[in-house]
Amino acid sequence: MFDEDFDENAQIPEQSLILFGATGDLSKRKLYPALYRLFQKHSLPKTFRLVGVARHGYSNEEFRKFVRSSIETYSREDPDMSSFDEFSKLVYYRGADATKSEEYGELKKLVESIEKDAGMAQNRLFYLAMAPRFFGTVALNLKQSGLTQLKGFKRLVIEKPFGRDYASAQQLNDELCDVFNEDEIFRIDHYLGKEMVQNIEVLRFANSIFEPVWNNRSIANVQITSSETVGVEERASYYERAGALRDMVQNHMLQMVMMIAMEPPSRLKTEAIRDEKVKVLRSLRRFSPKETASHVVLGQYSKGSVDGSEVVGYRQEPNVDSASATETFVAARLFIDNFRWAGVPFYIRTGKRMAVKATEIVIQFKDMPKHLYFNSDGNLSPNRLVIRVNPKEGIYFSLNAKRPGTDETVIPIAMEFSQAPENSPESYERLFYDAMRGDSTFFTRWDEVSLAWKFVDPIIEAYQEQLGVELKFYPAGTSGPEAAHRLLAQDGAHWWPVFGEKSALEQQPEPARAATEVVSS
């Protein structure tokens, strides 16, 4: 049963966090810094214990030193370690092979002993920071060992990717649902933990000026960009099996589409919000494999220059097949066939080794009528609302105004709000906090996952079956293959530069650029 009556103001219940993959890359880079920040903010449960599980033969003290080193190395700012000794008293370790059922008995004894010594209720949050192929095995072992048979609540937090396609995702979900109920499974998409992604709801539904124009009568197109300057780095073995479609589009990109396109929820309850997101995916036009080539561009980076440094192409990266056909870039034109959005193209693009690192959402409003009033030349810039997610966080609104001291010269001006990233909690900090409270609003539900795979699977099939979808190459340090630009040019549109690229105003004629005014807050 879903938690329709989740109380946001309720105290976080006491609980144990059993973390599998406790010595892995995700844990040391993201999870321990996030937990420590929550501890310093007094945002952990009043009674809390962390039990790390991994194959290493650490003692409790050795593991605590590992956690300390992780926090010191990977925290966003220089951490204040003065309270670490107090935090470390909450941290325990059990060396075990999570794939071997016989090793769970000792883990169960340790967890029960810790809970008893602390006088805690048996509330357990299981976090699987490990390869998805182990999810089903670990869940089954948790059940058979009795670790999930308890008097309090049990919850499972898992990372993406959730399957490789719809069939494998369905099989994995069936395995997990043999042990956990749907409302006990928290599927993380860390983009949903980003401050400005969560702010989309507030921007849309707490400001009356947007609702009348948030539709196909006023909006020309929506553009969502998530670009990275890095290559595959140490993730080549994973990326060769995944590619940008599975790694980014099936989850992160479609999640942002849903947040922009969803209808106002009937009430501010978890399931009401998630229901509206699912409706977007149900209205998302699916392309047959033969239609895919007209709407999707796949690319792979070749050698080039990023931030002034020469870098190799994807096929020259360590552990990558020299003839690899894995896509590192995706651009697509999507359509949401419902009353609000019919006819409005949603353009998405994501890629590695691009010109800048940025995640932005651009709402481009329709042009003013040409040859009318101040648009006599037909070159008046359209109004744009830009939601900057990362690394710069904020909102940018492009308007047109009269240039001071002239008769009727109209220039674009910008109203901008930016917030310092250090004032925003990191994604995992917020998502940990929500999972501990039992708030699944910003986690993905199974029907979201399944519908996303049903959209992506035909695109993957079209590429694998060579049905007109060809890999386009782009030099590292650029904004992607030329085919991605031609995709928008077919509709008379173009990609708006993201923060850090050459600005749209710099592409305007010289007089307009010279007179630009910027209003910031």
Protein backbone atom coordinates (compact mmCIF):
# COMPACT_ATOMS: atom_id res chain seq x y z
CA MET A 1 0.00 0.00 0.00
CA PHE A 2 1.34 3.44 -0.88
CA ASP A 3 2.07 5.96 1.87
CA GLU A 4 -0.59 8.50 0.93
CA ASP A 5 -0.46 9.99 4.44
CA PHE A 6 3.26 10.70 4.57
CA ASP A 7 3.86 13.43 7.15
CA GLU A 8 6.65 15.75 6.03
CA ASN A 9 6.97 17.26 9.51
CA ALA A 10 7.13 13.97 11.39
CA GLN A 11 10.35 13.12 13.22
CA ILE A 12 12.62 10.74 11.33
CA PRO A 13 12.17 7.30 12.90
CA GLU A 14 15.17 5.55 14.43
CA GLN A 15 16.72 3.06 12.03
CA SER A 16 19.72 1.08 10.91
CA LEU A 17 21.29 1.62 7.49
CA ILE A 18 22.79 -1.59 6.09
CA LEU A 19 24.99 -0.51 3.21
CA PHE A 20 26.12 -3.16 0.71
CA GLY A 21 29.10 -2.14 -1.42
CA ALA A 22 30.45 -0.16 1.52
CA THR A 23 34.00 0.12 0.13
CA GLY A 24 32.97 0.89 -3.45
CA ASP A 25 33.38 4.04 -5.50
CA LEU A 26 29.84 5.35 -5.01
CA SER A 27 29.99 4.92 -1.24
CA LYS A 28 33.27 6.74 -0.76
CA ARG A 29 32.60 9.52 -3.29
CA LYS A 30 28.94 10.29 -2.55
CA LEU A 31 27.33 8.38 0.29
CA TYR A 32 29.69 8.98 3.23
CA PRO A 33 30.07 12.72 2.55
CA ALA A 34 26.27 12.97 2.32
CA LEU A 35 25.69 11.05 5.55
CA TYR A 36 28.27 13.11 7.41
CA ARG A 37 26.70 16.38 6.26
CA LEU A 38 23.31 15.13 7.45
CA PHE A 39 24.89 14.22 10.80
CA GLN A 40 26.39 17.70 11.16
CA LYS A 41 23.02 19.28 10.35
CA HIS A 42 21.29 17.02 12.93
CA SER A 43 19.21 15.59 10.09
CA LEU A 44 19.87 11.90 10.77
CA PRO A 45 17.45 9.95 12.95
CA LYS A 46 17.92 10.59 16.65
CA THR A 47 19.02 6.98 17.01
CA PHE A 48 20.91 5.78 13.96
CA ARG A 49 23.47 3.12 13.08
CA LEU A 50 25.39 2.43 9.85
CA VAL A 51 26.52 -1.12 9.09
CA GLY A 52 28.82 -1.36 6.09
CA VAL A 53 29.02 -4.65 4.19
CA ALA A 54 31.72 -5.51 1.65
CA ARG A 55 34.28 -8.21 0.87
CA HIS A 56 37.24 -6.46 2.47
CA GLY A 57 38.31 -7.88 5.81
CA TYR A 58 38.18 -4.60 7.72
CA SER A 59 37.74 -4.27 11.45
CA ASN A 60 35.35 -1.59 12.73
CA GLU A 61 38.27 0.76 13.34
CA GLU A 62 39.77 0.20 9.91
CA PHE A 63 36.42 0.83 8.28
CA ARG A 64 35.94 4.05 10.27
CA LYS A 65 39.31 5.27 9.00
CA PHE A 66 38.17 4.42 5.46
CA VAL A 67 34.98 6.43 5.96
CA ARG A 68 36.93 9.38 7.38
CA SER A 69 39.32 9.37 4.43
CA SER A 70 36.39 9.27 2.01
CA ILE A 71 34.77 12.31 3.65
CA GLU A 72 38.02 14.28 3.72
CA THR A 73 38.79 13.45 0.07
CA TYR A 74 35.42 13.74 -1.65
CA SER A 75 33.34 16.29 0.27
CA ARG A 76 32.26 19.26 -1.83
CA GLU A 77 33.95 21.74 0.53
CA ASP A 78 36.63 21.24 3.12
CA PRO A 79 34.69 19.33 5.79
CA ASP A 80 34.75 20.17 9.47
CA MET A 81 36.00 16.89 10.95
CA SER A 82 35.69 18.00 14.58
CA SER A 83 32.54 15.91 15.05
CA PHE A 84 33.75 12.84 13.16
CA ASP A 85 34.70 10.92 16.30
CA GLU A 86 31.11 11.24 17.49
CA PHE A 87 29.82 10.17 14.06
CA SER A 88 32.23 7.21 13.92
CA LYS A 89 30.62 5.69 17.01
CA LEU A 90 27.54 5.05 14.86
CA VAL A 91 29.54 3.16 12.19
CA TYR A 92 30.13 -0.62 12.07
CA TYR A 93 31.43 -3.09 9.52
CA ARG A 94 30.91 -6.68 8.48
CA GLY A 95 33.11 -8.35 5.88
CA ALA A 96 30.96 -10.63 3.73
CA ASP A 97 30.38 -11.79 0.18
CA ALA A 98 26.86 -10.55 -0.51
CA THR A 99 26.30 -13.28 -3.12
CA LYS A 100 26.77 -16.11 -0.57
CA SER A 101 23.68 -16.86 1.48
CA GLU A 102 25.64 -18.53 4.27
CA GLU A 103 27.32 -15.23 5.19
CA TYR A 104 24.09 -13.46 6.07
CA GLY A 105 23.64 -15.26 9.37
CA GLU A 106 26.55 -13.44 10.98
CA LEU A 107 25.37 -10.16 9.47
CA LYS A 108 21.94 -10.68 11.03
CA LYS A 109 23.52 -11.35 14.43
CA LEU A 110 25.59 -8.17 14.18
CA VAL A 111 22.64 -5.98 13.18
CA GLU A 112 20.41 -7.40 15.92
CA SER A 113 23.19 -6.95 18.50
CA ILE A 114 23.72 -3.32 17.50
CA GLU A 115 19.99 -2.60 17.62
CA LYS A 116 19.66 -4.25 21.02
CA ASP A 117 22.63 -2.39 22.52
CA ALA A 118 21.23 0.92 21.25
CA GLY A 119 17.68 0.13 22.36
CA MET A 120 16.48 0.67 18.81
CA ALA A 121 13.35 -0.47 17.04
CA GLN A 122 13.90 -2.89 14.15
CA ASN A 123 13.64 -0.36 11.35
CA ARG A 124 16.07 -1.17 8.53
CA LEU A 125 17.08 0.69 5.39
CA PHE A 126 19.01 -1.56 2.98
CA TYR A 127 21.12 0.32 0.42
CA LEU A 128 22.58 -1.64 -2.51
CA ALA A 129 25.52 0.44 -3.76
CA MET A 130 26.64 -2.33 -6.08
CA ALA A 131 26.22 -3.67 -9.60
CA PRO A 132 22.52 -4.18 -10.51
CA ARG A 133 23.14 -7.83 -11.41
CA PHE A 134 23.42 -8.51 -7.68
CA PHE A 135 20.14 -6.83 -6.66
CA GLY A 136 17.92 -9.88 -6.98
CA THR A 137 20.44 -12.19 -5.25
CA VAL A 138 20.93 -9.84 -2.30
CA ALA A 139 17.18 -9.32 -1.88
CA LEU A 140 16.59 -13.07 -1.80
CA ASN A 141 19.42 -13.59 0.70
CA LEU A 142 18.00 -10.86 2.93
CA LYS A 143 14.67 -12.67 2.98
CA GLN A 144 16.08 -16.15 3.56
CA SER A 145 18.33 -14.97 6.38
CA GLY A 146 15.46 -13.32 8.22
CA LEU A 147 16.93 -9.81 7.98
CA THR A 148 13.69 -8.56 6.43
CA GLN A 149 11.43 -10.32 8.93
CA LEU A 150 11.15 -7.66 11.57
CA LYS A 151 8.69 -5.74 13.70
CA GLY A 152 9.45 -2.32 12.24
CA PHE A 153 9.71 -1.12 8.64
CA LYS A 154 12.05 -2.30 5.92
CA ARG A 155 13.08 -0.28 2.86
CA LEU A 156 15.33 -0.98 -0.10
CA VAL A 157 17.33 1.72 -1.92
CA ILE A 158 18.80 0.76 -5.28
CA GLU A 159 20.80 2.58 -7.94
CA LYS A 160 20.34 2.74 -11.69
CA PRO A 161 20.51 1.19 -14.19
CA PHE A 162 17.35 -0.78 -13.49
CA GLY A 163 17.73 -3.43 -16.18
CA ARG A 164 19.11 -3.21 -19.73
CA ASP A 165 15.70 -3.21 -21.42
CA TYR A 166 12.08 -3.70 -20.48
CA ALA A 167 12.33 -7.50 -20.25
CA SER A 168 15.33 -7.49 -17.90
CA ALA A 169 13.83 -4.66 -15.83
CA GLN A 170 10.60 -6.65 -15.47
CA GLN A 171 12.52 -9.73 -14.32
CA LEU A 172 14.52 -7.68 -11.79
CA ASN A 173 11.39 -6.02 -10.47
CA ASP A 174 9.70 -9.39 -10.00
CA GLU A 175 12.70 -10.59 -7.98
CA LEU A 176 12.66 -7.54 -5.73
CA CYS A 177 8.89 -7.65 -5.26
CA ASP A 178 9.20 -11.19 -3.89
CA VAL A 179 10.86 -9.59 -0.87
CA PHE A 180 9.77 -5.94 -0.77
CA ASN A 181 6.49 -4.22 -1.53
CA GLU A 182 6.49 -1.51 -4.20
CA ASP A 183 6.21 1.25 -1.58
CA GLU A 184 9.29 -0.18 0.16
CA ILE A 185 11.51 0.10 -2.95
CA PHE A 186 13.30 3.42 -3.47
CA ARG A 187 14.85 3.58 -6.96
CA ILE A 188 17.37 6.42 -7.03
CA ASP A 189 17.73 8.79 -9.93
CA HIS A 190 20.18 11.32 -8.52
CA TYR A 191 18.95 13.99 -10.97
CA LEU A 192 15.73 14.06 -8.96
CA GLY A 193 17.77 15.06 -5.92
CA LYS A 194 19.16 18.17 -7.62
CA GLU A 195 17.88 21.39 -6.10
CA MET A 196 16.76 23.05 -9.34
CA VAL A 197 15.02 19.92 -10.64
CA GLN A 198 12.98 19.81 -7.45
CA ASN A 199 12.43 23.55 -7.82
CA ILE A 200 10.60 23.00 -11.12
CA GLU A 201 7.45 22.05 -9.22
CA VAL A 202 7.58 25.22 -7.13
CA LEU A 203 8.36 27.41 -10.13
CA ARG A 204 5.41 26.00 -12.05
CA PHE A 205 2.76 25.58 -9.39
CA ALA A 206 3.53 28.41 -6.96
CA ASN A 207 3.51 31.19 -9.58
CA SER A 208 0.23 32.09 -11.22
CA ILE A 209 1.90 33.79 -14.18
CA PHE A 210 3.08 30.49 -15.65
CA GLU A 211 0.00 28.28 -15.75
CA PRO A 212 -1.87 30.28 -18.45
CA VAL A 213 1.15 30.11 -20.81
CA TRP A 214 2.48 26.63 -19.95
CA ASN A 215 0.98 24.99 -23.04
CA ASN A 216 1.11 24.67 -26.83
CA ARG A 217 -0.60 28.01 -27.36
CA SER A 218 2.36 29.93 -25.96
CA ILE A 219 5.40 27.64 -26.03
CA ALA A 220 7.27 26.97 -29.27
CA ASN A 221 9.59 24.26 -27.98
CA VAL A 222 11.34 22.87 -24.93
CA GLN A 223 15.07 22.07 -24.93
CA ILE A 224 16.79 19.94 -22.31
CA THR A 225 20.56 19.63 -22.38
CA SER A 226 22.83 17.61 -20.14
CA SER A 227 26.41 17.84 -21.36
CA GLU A 228 29.66 16.64 -19.83
CA THR A 229 33.25 17.52 -20.62
CA VAL A 230 34.60 14.25 -19.22
CA GLY A 231 34.93 11.02 -21.18
CA VAL A 232 34.18 7.56 -19.84
CA GLU A 233 37.12 7.67 -17.42
CA GLU A 234 37.06 4.52 -15.24
CA ARG A 235 33.57 3.48 -16.34
CA ALA A 236 34.49 2.03 -19.74
CA SER A 237 33.49 -1.54 -18.87
CA TYR A 238 30.05 -0.33 -17.80
CA TYR A 239 29.65 2.25 -20.54
CA GLU A 240 30.45 -0.22 -23.33
CA ARG A 241 27.39 -2.23 -22.23
CA ALA A 242 25.18 0.78 -21.63
CA GLY A 243 25.80 3.80 -23.84
CA ALA A 244 24.12 7.18 -23.52
CA LEU A 245 20.62 5.86 -24.26
CA ARG A 246 20.62 3.53 -21.27
CA ASP A 247 22.86 5.63 -19.06
CA MET A 248 21.13 9.00 -19.50
CA VAL A 249 18.01 9.07 -21.67
CA GLN A 250 16.02 6.22 -20.11
CA ASN A 251 16.25 7.83 -16.67
CA HIS A 252 17.70 11.34 -16.20
CA MET A 253 16.50 12.98 -19.41
CA LEU A 254 12.98 11.51 -19.33
CA GLN A 255 12.67 12.45 -15.66
CA MET A 256 13.28 16.10 -16.54
CA VAL A 257 10.77 15.85 -19.39
CA MET A 258 8.19 14.56 -16.93
CA MET A 259 8.85 17.35 -14.42
CA ILE A 260 8.36 20.02 -17.09
CA ALA A 261 5.33 18.46 -18.79
CA MET A 262 3.31 17.03 -15.88
CA GLU A 263 -0.12 18.39 -14.97
CA PRO A 264 -0.69 20.01 -11.58
CA PRO A 265 -1.23 17.19 -9.05
CA SER A 266 -4.62 16.96 -7.41
CA ARG A 267 -2.94 17.24 -3.99
CA LEU A 268 0.61 17.54 -2.70
CA LYS A 269 0.93 13.87 -1.89
CA THR A 270 3.63 11.53 -3.07
CA GLU A 271 1.48 9.29 -5.24
CA ALA A 272 -0.56 12.15 -6.71
CA ILE A 273 2.67 13.76 -7.95
CA ARG A 274 4.05 10.49 -9.30
CA ASP A 275 0.73 9.71 -11.01
CA GLU A 276 1.01 12.92 -13.03
CA LYS A 277 4.57 12.09 -14.06
CA VAL A 278 3.46 8.67 -15.31
CA LYS A 279 0.70 10.28 -17.39
CA VAL A 280 3.40 12.16 -19.31
CA LEU A 281 5.15 8.93 -20.24
CA ARG A 282 1.85 7.39 -21.29
CA SER A 283 1.36 10.34 -23.66
CA LEU A 284 4.93 10.27 -24.95
CA ARG A 285 4.83 9.33 -28.63
CA ARG A 286 6.72 6.09 -29.22
CA PHE A 287 8.65 5.75 -32.43
CA SER A 288 8.70 2.52 -34.34
CA PRO A 289 12.22 1.35 -35.24
CA LYS A 290 11.68 2.62 -38.80
CA GLU A 291 10.58 6.08 -37.58
CA THR A 292 13.51 6.48 -35.23
CA ALA A 293 16.00 7.82 -37.80
CA SER A 294 13.78 10.87 -38.40
CA HIS A 295 13.78 11.89 -34.75
CA VAL A 296 16.95 10.58 -33.10
CA VAL A 297 20.65 11.30 -33.60
CA LEU A 298 23.33 9.11 -32.03
CA GLY A 299 26.96 10.18 -31.86
CA GLN A 300 30.37 9.20 -30.56
CA TYR A 301 33.22 11.54 -29.70
CA SER A 302 36.47 11.44 -31.64
CA LYS A 303 39.75 13.06 -30.66
CA GLY A 304 39.65 16.77 -29.98
CA SER A 305 40.39 19.45 -27.42
CA VAL A 306 38.64 20.06 -24.09
CA ASP A 307 39.60 23.09 -21.97
CA GLY A 308 42.72 23.52 -24.06
CA SER A 309 43.94 19.96 -23.60
CA GLU A 310 44.09 17.36 -26.36
CA VAL A 311 42.01 14.26 -25.61
CA VAL A 312 41.61 10.93 -27.38
CA GLY A 313 38.47 9.65 -29.05
CA TYR A 314 36.14 7.18 -27.38
CA ARG A 315 37.57 4.23 -29.30
CA GLN A 316 41.06 5.07 -28.02
CA GLU A 317 39.97 5.12 -24.37
CA PRO A 318 41.32 2.33 -22.12
CA ASN A 319 39.18 -0.84 -22.10
CA VAL A 320 37.09 0.33 -25.06
CA ASP A 321 36.79 -1.76 -28.22
CA SER A 322 38.73 -0.09 -31.05
CA ALA A 323 35.70 -0.63 -33.30
CA SER A 324 33.09 0.23 -30.63
CA ALA A 325 29.68 1.37 -31.86
CA THR A 326 28.61 2.58 -28.41
CA GLU A 327 26.91 5.98 -28.52
CA THR A 328 28.27 8.71 -26.26
CA PHE A 329 25.78 11.32 -27.52
CA VAL A 330 22.03 11.34 -28.06
CA ALA A 331 19.80 14.08 -29.45
CA ALA A 332 16.12 13.47 -29.99
CA ARG A 333 12.88 15.23 -30.86
CA LEU A 334 10.05 14.04 -28.64
CA PHE A 335 6.32 14.71 -28.72
CA ILE A 336 3.82 14.48 -25.89
CA ASP A 337 0.45 13.78 -27.42
CA ASN A 338 -1.94 15.28 -24.92
CA PHE A 339 -4.14 18.36 -24.86
CA ARG A 340 -1.54 20.62 -23.24
CA TRP A 341 1.51 19.74 -25.33
CA ALA A 342 0.22 18.53 -28.72
CA GLY A 343 2.55 19.79 -31.45
CA VAL A 344 5.27 21.15 -29.15
CA PRO A 345 8.64 19.47 -29.80
CA PHE A 346 10.71 18.53 -26.76
CA TYR A 347 14.35 18.47 -27.85
CA ILE A 348 16.76 16.56 -25.64
CA ARG A 349 20.50 16.11 -25.97
CA THR A 350 23.13 14.56 -23.75
CA GLY A 351 26.72 13.68 -24.39
CA LYS A 352 30.23 13.20 -23.12
CA ARG A 353 33.32 15.21 -24.09
CA MET A 354 31.25 18.22 -25.06
CA ALA A 355 32.22 21.88 -24.94
CA VAL A 356 31.01 22.60 -21.39
CA LYS A 357 29.55 20.78 -18.41
CA ALA A 358 25.98 21.96 -17.96
CA THR A 359 22.45 20.78 -17.37
CA GLU A 360 19.80 23.26 -18.48
CA ILE A 361 16.15 23.37 -19.47
CA VAL A 362 15.03 26.05 -21.94
CA ILE A 363 11.37 26.95 -22.37
CA GLN A 364 11.21 28.92 -25.62
CA PHE A 365 8.01 30.90 -26.05
CA LYS A 366 6.47 31.60 -29.42
CA ASP A 367 7.68 34.48 -31.56
CA MET A 368 5.85 37.75 -31.78
CA PRO A 369 4.04 38.19 -35.12
CA LYS A 370 6.48 39.35 -37.78
CA HIS A 371 6.17 42.74 -39.50
CA LEU A 372 4.15 44.07 -36.59
CA TYR A 373 4.99 46.85 -34.12
CA PHE A 374 8.53 46.38 -32.81
CA ASN A 375 9.11 43.21 -34.85
CA SER A 376 9.03 44.87 -38.26
CA ASP A 377 12.25 43.16 -39.32
CA GLY A 378 11.11 39.77 -38.01
CA ASN A 379 14.25 39.24 -35.95
CA LEU A 380 13.01 39.93 -32.44
CA SER A 381 14.41 37.38 -29.98
CA PRO A 382 11.82 35.02 -28.45
CA ASN A 383 11.20 35.08 -24.73
CA ARG A 384 12.96 32.24 -22.94
CA LEU A 385 12.77 30.81 -19.45
CA VAL A 386 15.97 28.93 -18.62
CA ILE A 387 16.22 26.63 -15.61
CA ARG A 388 19.88 26.07 -14.82
CA VAL A 389 20.35 22.82 -12.94
CA ASN A 390 24.11 22.29 -12.90
CA PRO A 391 26.78 23.51 -12.25
CA LYS A 392 25.30 27.00 -12.16
CA GLU A 393 21.97 26.89 -10.33
CA GLY A 394 19.24 29.40 -10.97
CA ILE A 395 16.62 30.85 -13.28
CA TYR A 396 17.19 33.06 -16.31
CA PHE A 397 14.38 34.93 -18.08
CA SER A 398 15.03 36.62 -21.44
CA LEU A 399 12.78 39.57 -22.31
CA ASN A 400 12.77 42.35 -24.89
CA ALA A 401 12.97 46.02 -23.96
CA LYS A 402 13.72 49.41 -25.46
CA ARG A 403 17.38 50.37 -25.54
CA PRO A 404 17.91 53.49 -23.40
CA GLY A 405 18.39 56.68 -25.35
CA THR A 406 16.99 55.43 -28.64
CA ASP A 407 13.68 55.86 -30.38
CA GLU A 408 12.43 52.32 -30.86
CA THR A 409 15.48 50.04 -30.82
CA VAL A 410 14.49 46.82 -29.04
CA ILE A 411 17.13 44.70 -27.39
CA PRO A 412 17.05 41.48 -25.35
CA ILE A 413 17.55 41.87 -21.60
CA ALA A 414 17.99 39.19 -18.96
CA MET A 415 16.44 38.85 -15.54
CA GLU A 416 18.49 36.32 -13.64
CA PHE A 417 18.48 34.66 -10.24
CA SER A 418 21.47 32.54 -9.27
CA GLN A 419 22.08 30.71 -6.05
CA ALA A 420 25.42 29.58 -4.70
CA PRO A 421 25.79 25.79 -5.14
CA GLU A 422 27.23 25.50 -1.63
CA ASN A 423 23.85 26.63 -0.27
CA SER A 424 22.14 23.64 -1.90
CA PRO A 425 22.27 20.12 -0.50
CA GLU A 426 23.86 17.62 -2.83
CA SER A 427 21.59 15.07 -4.50
CA TYR A 428 22.46 12.15 -2.26
CA GLU A 429 22.10 14.23 0.85
CA ARG A 430 18.50 15.06 -0.02
CA LEU A 431 17.67 11.55 -1.27
CA PHE A 432 19.11 9.88 1.84
CA TYR A 433 17.04 12.22 3.97
CA ASP A 434 13.86 11.44 2.03
CA ALA A 435 14.42 7.67 2.11
CA MET A 436 14.93 7.73 5.86
CA ARG A 437 11.66 9.62 6.26
CA GLY A 438 9.85 7.31 3.86
CA ASP A 439 9.15 10.06 1.32
CA SER A 440 9.38 8.49 -2.16
CA THR A 441 8.28 11.59 -4.12
CA PHE A 442 11.65 12.01 -5.82
CA PHE A 443 12.30 8.33 -6.40
CA THR A 444 11.10 6.44 -9.46
CA ARG A 445 8.12 4.12 -9.36
CA TRP A 446 8.02 0.86 -11.30
CA ASP A 447 5.51 2.10 -13.87
CA GLU A 448 7.80 5.05 -14.62
CA VAL A 449 10.71 2.68 -15.18
CA SER A 450 8.71 0.30 -17.36
CA LEU A 451 7.22 3.03 -19.58
CA ALA A 452 10.64 4.65 -20.01
CA TRP A 453 12.08 1.34 -21.23
CA LYS A 454 9.18 0.86 -23.61
CA PHE A 455 10.05 4.20 -25.18
CA VAL A 456 13.82 3.59 -25.37
CA ASP A 457 13.78 -0.06 -26.48
CA PRO A 458 12.62 0.61 -30.08
CA ILE A 459 15.37 3.23 -30.48
CA ILE A 460 17.99 0.74 -29.36
CA GLU A 461 16.47 -1.87 -31.67
CA ALA A 462 16.57 0.51 -34.64
CA TYR A 463 20.25 1.19 -34.05
CA GLN A 464 21.23 -2.42 -33.49
CA GLU A 465 19.27 -3.58 -36.54
CA GLN A 466 20.76 -0.75 -38.65
CA LEU A 467 17.37 0.62 -39.62
CA GLY A 468 18.63 3.98 -40.82
CA VAL A 469 20.08 5.12 -37.48
CA GLU A 470 23.78 5.70 -38.07
CA LEU A 471 26.49 6.71 -35.61
CA LYS A 472 27.66 10.29 -36.19
CA PHE A 473 31.09 11.34 -34.98
CA TYR A 474 31.87 14.68 -33.33
CA PRO A 475 35.20 16.12 -32.17
CA ALA A 476 35.66 16.19 -28.41
CA GLY A 477 35.10 19.70 -27.06
CA THR A 478 32.22 20.55 -29.41
CA SER A 479 28.46 20.64 -28.97
CA GLY A 480 27.85 17.31 -30.72
CA PRO A 481 27.49 16.11 -34.31
CA GLU A 482 26.15 18.42 -37.01
CA ALA A 483 23.19 16.08 -37.49
CA ALA A 484 21.91 17.19 -34.07
CA HIS A 485 21.77 20.77 -35.30
CA ARG A 486 20.07 19.77 -38.55
CA LEU A 487 17.43 17.96 -36.49
CA LEU A 488 16.22 21.27 -35.09
CA ALA A 489 16.81 23.18 -38.30
CA GLN A 490 14.13 21.01 -39.91
CA ASP A 491 11.65 22.78 -37.60
CA GLY A 492 13.18 26.23 -38.06
CA ALA A 493 14.73 26.04 -34.58
CA HIS A 494 18.24 25.88 -33.15
CA TRP A 495 19.89 24.77 -29.94
CA TRP A 496 20.27 27.58 -27.43
CA PRO A 497 23.79 27.64 -25.97
CA VAL A 498 24.03 26.47 -22.37
CA PHE A 499 25.86 28.43 -19.69
CA GLY A 500 29.55 28.65 -20.54
CA GLU A 501 29.09 28.34 -24.30
CA LYS A 502 28.98 31.32 -26.64
CA SER A 503 25.81 33.08 -25.60
CA ALA A 504 22.80 33.64 -27.80
CA LEU A 505 23.27 37.39 -27.45
CA GLU A 506 26.82 37.12 -28.80
CA GLN A 507 25.29 35.62 -31.93
CA GLN A 508 23.10 38.69 -32.43
CA PRO A 509 24.15 41.57 -34.73
CA GLU A 510 26.77 43.89 -33.23
CA PRO A 511 24.47 46.82 -32.32
CA ALA A 512 22.21 44.58 -30.25
CA ARG A 513 25.16 43.08 -28.42
CA ALA A 514 26.64 46.46 -27.59
CA ALA A 515 23.43 47.66 -25.98
CA THR A 516 22.51 44.60 -23.98
CA GLU A 517 21.37 45.21 -20.42
CA VAL A 518 21.38 42.53 -17.73
CA VAL A 519 19.29 42.76 -14.59
CA SER A 520 20.40 40.30 -11.91
CA SER A 521 19.30 39.44 -8.42
